[in-house]
Amino acid sequence: MIIEFLESKRIIKSREIAGYLEKNEVYLTHSMLKKFTELAYELENSTDENFYEKLSEIKLDMKKSKKDRGTELIEKIERMKMPVYSDTLREFEKRIRKIKNSQISVKYPRELEGGEILLEIKLKDHRDVKKSLDSLDKNREIIEEMMRIFENGIWEE
């Protein structure tokens, strides 16, 4: 089935790619397979390099579940395609994890372009107000770093 799907999307070396997926016991949901195919097509057509050759160099963590290896594979291919964006998004999300809690959530455009960052505060009673505001104040520098990354569209050390 995967071979036919890849071939229908005009992916070169579809059989070899399917062999790689089977050998590495990678499970791709339908949406993951679609994303994988889009990335393969884009990489094949945007560079002179052979996608299968690049793919065959990717080593996956065999201790993970099959589905997690699928996610890992897609992340590594995205990194291969867009290394600066991938690093920037990873750094941005690292900061989000530091400020996010049961009361504070963060929403942002996935591509880190345009729009805005939305900090949402959930309050159940008057004690939550102080707790949330203290948390935001404590994480002021992290939030400012997030905004710099968001405004510049790139993370720089």
C-alpha atoms as a PDB file:
ATOM      1  CA  MET A   1       0.000   0.000   0.000  1.00  0.00           C
ATOM      2  CA  ILE A   2       2.765   2.469   0.913  1.00  0.00           C
ATOM      3  CA  ILE A   3       4.598   1.813  -2.342  1.00  0.00           C
ATOM      4  CA  GLU A   4       1.492   2.560  -4.378  1.00  0.00           C
ATOM      5  CA  PHE A   5       0.802   5.703  -2.368  1.00  0.00           C
ATOM      6  CA  LEU A   6       4.386   6.973  -2.823  1.00  0.00           C
ATOM      7  CA  GLU A   7       4.332   6.118  -6.527  1.00  0.00           C
ATOM      8  CA  SER A   8       1.016   7.924  -6.988  1.00  0.00           C
ATOM      9  CA  LYS A   9       2.708  11.031  -5.559  1.00  0.00           C
ATOM     10  CA  ARG A  10       5.620  10.581  -8.005  1.00  0.00           C
ATOM     11  CA  ILE A  11       8.212   9.864  -5.329  1.00  0.00           C
ATOM     12  CA  ILE A  12      11.430   8.465  -6.807  1.00  0.00           C
ATOM     13  CA  LYS A  13      12.670   5.140  -5.360  1.00  0.00           C
ATOM     14  CA  SER A  14       9.298   4.429  -3.733  1.00  0.00           C
ATOM     15  CA  ARG A  15      10.151   0.751  -3.222  1.00  0.00           C
ATOM     16  CA  GLU A  16      13.430   1.563  -1.488  1.00  0.00           C
ATOM     17  CA  ILE A  17      11.737   4.155   0.724  1.00  0.00           C
ATOM     18  CA  ALA A  18       9.035   1.640   1.685  1.00  0.00           C
ATOM     19  CA  GLY A  19      11.834  -0.846   2.439  1.00  0.00           C
ATOM     20  CA  TYR A  20      13.493   1.689   4.741  1.00  0.00           C
ATOM     21  CA  LEU A  21      10.195   2.226   6.592  1.00  0.00           C
ATOM     22  CA  GLU A  22       9.669  -1.518   6.951  1.00  0.00           C
ATOM     23  CA  LYS A  23      13.261  -2.218   8.024  1.00  0.00           C
ATOM     24  CA  ASN A  24      13.071   0.482  10.694  1.00  0.00           C
ATOM     25  CA  GLU A  25       9.568  -0.608  11.728  1.00  0.00           C
ATOM     26  CA  VAL A  26       8.120   2.860  11.227  1.00  0.00           C
ATOM     27  CA  TYR A  27       4.370   3.286  11.549  1.00  0.00           C
ATOM     28  CA  LEU A  28       2.843   6.290   9.812  1.00  0.00           C
ATOM     29  CA  THR A  29      -0.766   7.262  10.352  1.00  0.00           C
ATOM     30  CA  HIS A  30      -2.590   8.526   7.263  1.00  0.00           C
ATOM     31  CA  SER A  31      -1.842  12.168   8.126  1.00  0.00           C
ATOM     32  CA  MET A  32       1.793  11.304   8.926  1.00  0.00           C
ATOM     33  CA  LEU A  33       2.133   9.469   5.606  1.00  0.00           C
ATOM     34  CA  LYS A  34       0.715  12.492   3.814  1.00  0.00           C
ATOM     35  CA  LYS A  35       3.206  14.785   5.590  1.00  0.00           C
ATOM     36  CA  PHE A  36       6.077  12.360   4.900  1.00  0.00           C
ATOM     37  CA  THR A  37       5.164  12.261   1.208  1.00  0.00           C
ATOM     38  CA  GLU A  38       4.904  16.060   0.968  1.00  0.00           C
ATOM     39  CA  LEU A  39       8.346  16.420   2.551  1.00  0.00           C
ATOM     40  CA  ALA A  40       9.821  13.737   0.286  1.00  0.00           C
ATOM     41  CA  TYR A  41       8.382  15.407  -2.807  1.00  0.00           C
ATOM     42  CA  GLU A  42       9.578  18.858  -1.756  1.00  0.00           C
ATOM     43  CA  LEU A  43      13.097  17.632  -0.951  1.00  0.00           C
ATOM     44  CA  GLU A  44      13.336  15.672  -4.193  1.00  0.00           C
ATOM     45  CA  ASN A  45      12.282  18.684  -6.229  1.00  0.00           C
ATOM     46  CA  SER A  46      14.072  21.472  -4.373  1.00  0.00           C
ATOM     47  CA  THR A  47      17.586  20.040  -4.367  1.00  0.00           C
ATOM     48  CA  ASP A  48      19.783  17.997  -6.643  1.00  0.00           C
ATOM     49  CA  GLU A  49      20.201  15.431  -3.901  1.00  0.00           C
ATOM     50  CA  ASN A  50      18.400  12.110  -3.851  1.00  0.00           C
ATOM     51  CA  PHE A  51      15.780  11.936  -1.083  1.00  0.00           C
ATOM     52  CA  TYR A  52      16.265   8.209  -0.567  1.00  0.00           C
ATOM     53  CA  GLU A  53      20.008   8.658  -0.005  1.00  0.00           C
ATOM     54  CA  LYS A  54      19.328  11.320   2.636  1.00  0.00           C
ATOM     55  CA  LEU A  55      16.588   9.199   4.180  1.00  0.00           C
ATOM     56  CA  SER A  56      18.783   6.102   4.417  1.00  0.00           C
ATOM     57  CA  GLU A  57      21.286   8.079   6.513  1.00  0.00           C
ATOM     58  CA  ILE A  58      18.675   8.820   9.178  1.00  0.00           C
ATOM     59  CA  LYS A  59      19.023   6.654  12.264  1.00  0.00           C
ATOM     60  CA  LEU A  60      15.958   6.161  14.425  1.00  0.00           C
ATOM     61  CA  ASP A  61      15.660   5.238  18.098  1.00  0.00           C
ATOM     62  CA  MET A  62      14.599   1.600  17.982  1.00  0.00           C
ATOM     63  CA  LYS A  63      13.614   1.744  21.663  1.00  0.00           C
ATOM     64  CA  LYS A  64      10.659   3.955  20.740  1.00  0.00           C
ATOM     65  CA  SER A  65       7.302   2.619  19.612  1.00  0.00           C
ATOM     66  CA  LYS A  66       6.675   2.284  15.872  1.00  0.00           C
ATOM     67  CA  LYS A  67       4.413   5.340  15.852  1.00  0.00           C
ATOM     68  CA  ASP A  68       6.934   7.402  17.841  1.00  0.00           C
ATOM     69  CA  ARG A  69       9.604   6.427  15.300  1.00  0.00           C
ATOM     70  CA  GLY A  70       7.267   7.782  12.621  1.00  0.00           C
ATOM     71  CA  THR A  71       7.039  11.086  14.464  1.00  0.00           C
ATOM     72  CA  GLU A  72      10.812  11.105  14.998  1.00  0.00           C
ATOM     73  CA  LEU A  73      11.388  10.446  11.290  1.00  0.00           C
ATOM     74  CA  ILE A  74       9.131  13.296  10.188  1.00  0.00           C
ATOM     75  CA  GLU A  75      10.809  15.668  12.665  1.00  0.00           C
ATOM     76  CA  LYS A  76      14.255  14.715  11.335  1.00  0.00           C
ATOM     77  CA  ILE A  77      13.146  15.207   7.731  1.00  0.00           C
ATOM     78  CA  GLU A  78      11.632  18.604   8.607  1.00  0.00           C
ATOM     79  CA  ARG A  79      14.927  19.528  10.272  1.00  0.00           C
ATOM     80  CA  MET A  80      16.756  18.423   7.130  1.00  0.00           C
ATOM     81  CA  LYS A  81      14.477  20.595   5.014  1.00  0.00           C
ATOM     82  CA  MET A  82      14.376  23.662   7.276  1.00  0.00           C
ATOM     83  CA  PRO A  83      17.183  23.547   9.870  1.00  0.00           C
ATOM     84  CA  VAL A  84      16.949  27.199  11.003  1.00  0.00           C
ATOM     85  CA  TYR A  85      13.165  27.102  11.376  1.00  0.00           C
ATOM     86  CA  SER A  86      13.326  23.759  13.209  1.00  0.00           C
ATOM     87  CA  ASP A  87      15.900  25.072  15.692  1.00  0.00           C
ATOM     88  CA  THR A  88      13.913  28.272  16.201  1.00  0.00           C
ATOM     89  CA  LEU A  89      10.663  26.396  16.818  1.00  0.00           C
ATOM     90  CA  ARG A  90      12.385  24.008  19.232  1.00  0.00           C
ATOM     91  CA  GLU A  91      13.830  26.926  21.235  1.00  0.00           C
ATOM     92  CA  PHE A  92      10.483  28.739  21.198  1.00  0.00           C
ATOM     93  CA  GLU A  93       8.621  25.666  22.454  1.00  0.00           C
ATOM     94  CA  LYS A  94      11.260  25.096  25.133  1.00  0.00           C
ATOM     95  CA  ARG A  95      10.400  28.509  26.567  1.00  0.00           C
ATOM     96  CA  ILE A  96       6.674  27.810  26.341  1.00  0.00           C
ATOM     97  CA  ARG A  97       7.123  24.676  28.455  1.00  0.00           C
ATOM     98  CA  LYS A  98       8.818  26.803  31.138  1.00  0.00           C
ATOM     99  CA  ILE A  99       5.914  29.218  31.541  1.00  0.00           C
ATOM    100  CA  LYS A 100       2.966  26.954  30.828  1.00  0.00           C
ATOM    101  CA  ASN A 101       1.081  25.490  33.785  1.00  0.00           C
ATOM    102  CA  SER A 102      -2.452  24.516  34.735  1.00  0.00           C
ATOM    103  CA  GLN A 103      -3.521  28.182  34.737  1.00  0.00           C
ATOM    104  CA  ILE A 104      -1.410  29.625  31.901  1.00  0.00           C
ATOM    105  CA  SER A 105      -1.507  28.414  28.315  1.00  0.00           C
ATOM    106  CA  VAL A 106       0.207  29.773  25.213  1.00  0.00           C
ATOM    107  CA  LYS A 107      -1.110  29.809  21.651  1.00  0.00           C
ATOM    108  CA  TYR A 108       0.865  30.949  18.606  1.00  0.00           C
ATOM    109  CA  PRO A 109       0.943  30.557  14.835  1.00  0.00           C
ATOM    110  CA  ARG A 110       2.830  27.331  14.043  1.00  0.00           C
ATOM    111  CA  GLU A 111       5.019  29.027  11.434  1.00  0.00           C
ATOM    112  CA  LEU A 112       5.938  31.819  13.883  1.00  0.00           C
ATOM    113  CA  GLU A 113       4.824  34.329  11.276  1.00  0.00           C
ATOM    114  CA  GLY A 114       2.493  37.257  11.711  1.00  0.00           C
ATOM    115  CA  GLY A 115      -0.365  37.200  14.092  1.00  0.00           C
ATOM    116  CA  GLU A 116       0.325  37.217  17.768  1.00  0.00           C
ATOM    117  CA  ILE A 117       1.130  35.139  20.808  1.00  0.00           C
ATOM    118  CA  LEU A 118      -1.847  34.573  23.054  1.00  0.00           C
ATOM    119  CA  LEU A 119      -1.247  34.026  26.780  1.00  0.00           C
ATOM    120  CA  GLU A 120      -4.408  32.644  28.297  1.00  0.00           C
ATOM    121  CA  ILE A 121      -4.935  32.766  32.069  1.00  0.00           C
ATOM    122  CA  LYS A 122      -7.575  30.565  33.674  1.00  0.00           C
ATOM    123  CA  LEU A 123      -8.883  31.868  36.982  1.00  0.00           C
ATOM    124  CA  LYS A 124     -11.138  29.892  39.306  1.00  0.00           C
ATOM    125  CA  ASP A 125     -11.005  32.149  42.362  1.00  0.00           C
ATOM    126  CA  HIS A 126      -9.347  35.307  43.675  1.00  0.00           C
ATOM    127  CA  ARG A 127      -6.197  33.417  44.821  1.00  0.00           C
ATOM    128  CA  ASP A 128      -5.538  32.397  41.222  1.00  0.00           C
ATOM    129  CA  VAL A 129      -5.090  36.050  40.241  1.00  0.00           C
ATOM    130  CA  LYS A 130      -2.043  36.569  42.453  1.00  0.00           C
ATOM    131  CA  LYS A 131      -0.623  33.138  41.665  1.00  0.00           C
ATOM    132  CA  SER A 132      -0.908  33.677  37.894  1.00  0.00           C
ATOM    133  CA  LEU A 133       0.461  37.212  37.936  1.00  0.00           C
ATOM    134  CA  ASP A 134       3.385  36.127  40.137  1.00  0.00           C
ATOM    135  CA  SER A 135       4.135  33.292  37.715  1.00  0.00           C
ATOM    136  CA  LEU A 136       4.084  35.670  34.749  1.00  0.00           C
ATOM    137  CA  ASP A 137       6.313  38.155  36.582  1.00  0.00           C
ATOM    138  CA  LYS A 138       8.746  35.390  37.566  1.00  0.00           C
ATOM    139  CA  ASN A 139       8.920  34.328  33.908  1.00  0.00           C
ATOM    140  CA  ARG A 140       9.112  37.850  32.471  1.00  0.00           C
ATOM    141  CA  GLU A 141      12.540  37.296  30.855  1.00  0.00           C
ATOM    142  CA  ILE A 142      11.428  34.034  29.256  1.00  0.00           C
ATOM    143  CA  ILE A 143       8.300  35.709  27.860  1.00  0.00           C
ATOM    144  CA  GLU A 144      10.437  38.575  26.503  1.00  0.00           C
ATOM    145  CA  GLU A 145      12.770  36.015  24.860  1.00  0.00           C
ATOM    146  CA  MET A 146       9.729  34.359  23.273  1.00  0.00           C
ATOM    147  CA  MET A 147       8.604  37.707  21.887  1.00  0.00           C
ATOM    148  CA  ARG A 148      12.065  38.438  20.449  1.00  0.00           C
ATOM    149  CA  ILE A 149      12.085  35.054  18.729  1.00  0.00           C
ATOM    150  CA  PHE A 150       8.533  35.628  17.472  1.00  0.00           C
ATOM    151  CA  GLU A 151       9.231  39.172  16.233  1.00  0.00           C
ATOM    152  CA  ASN A 152      12.490  38.203  14.501  1.00  0.00           C
ATOM    153  CA  GLY A 153      11.189  34.879  13.200  1.00  0.00           C
ATOM    154  CA  ILE A 154      14.519  33.339  14.134  1.00  0.00           C
ATOM    155  CA  TRP A 155      16.341  32.176  17.238  1.00  0.00           C
ATOM    156  CA  GLU A 156      19.899  33.292  17.746  1.00  0.00           C
ATOM    157  CA  GLU A 157      22.178  32.241  20.595  1.00  0.00           C
END
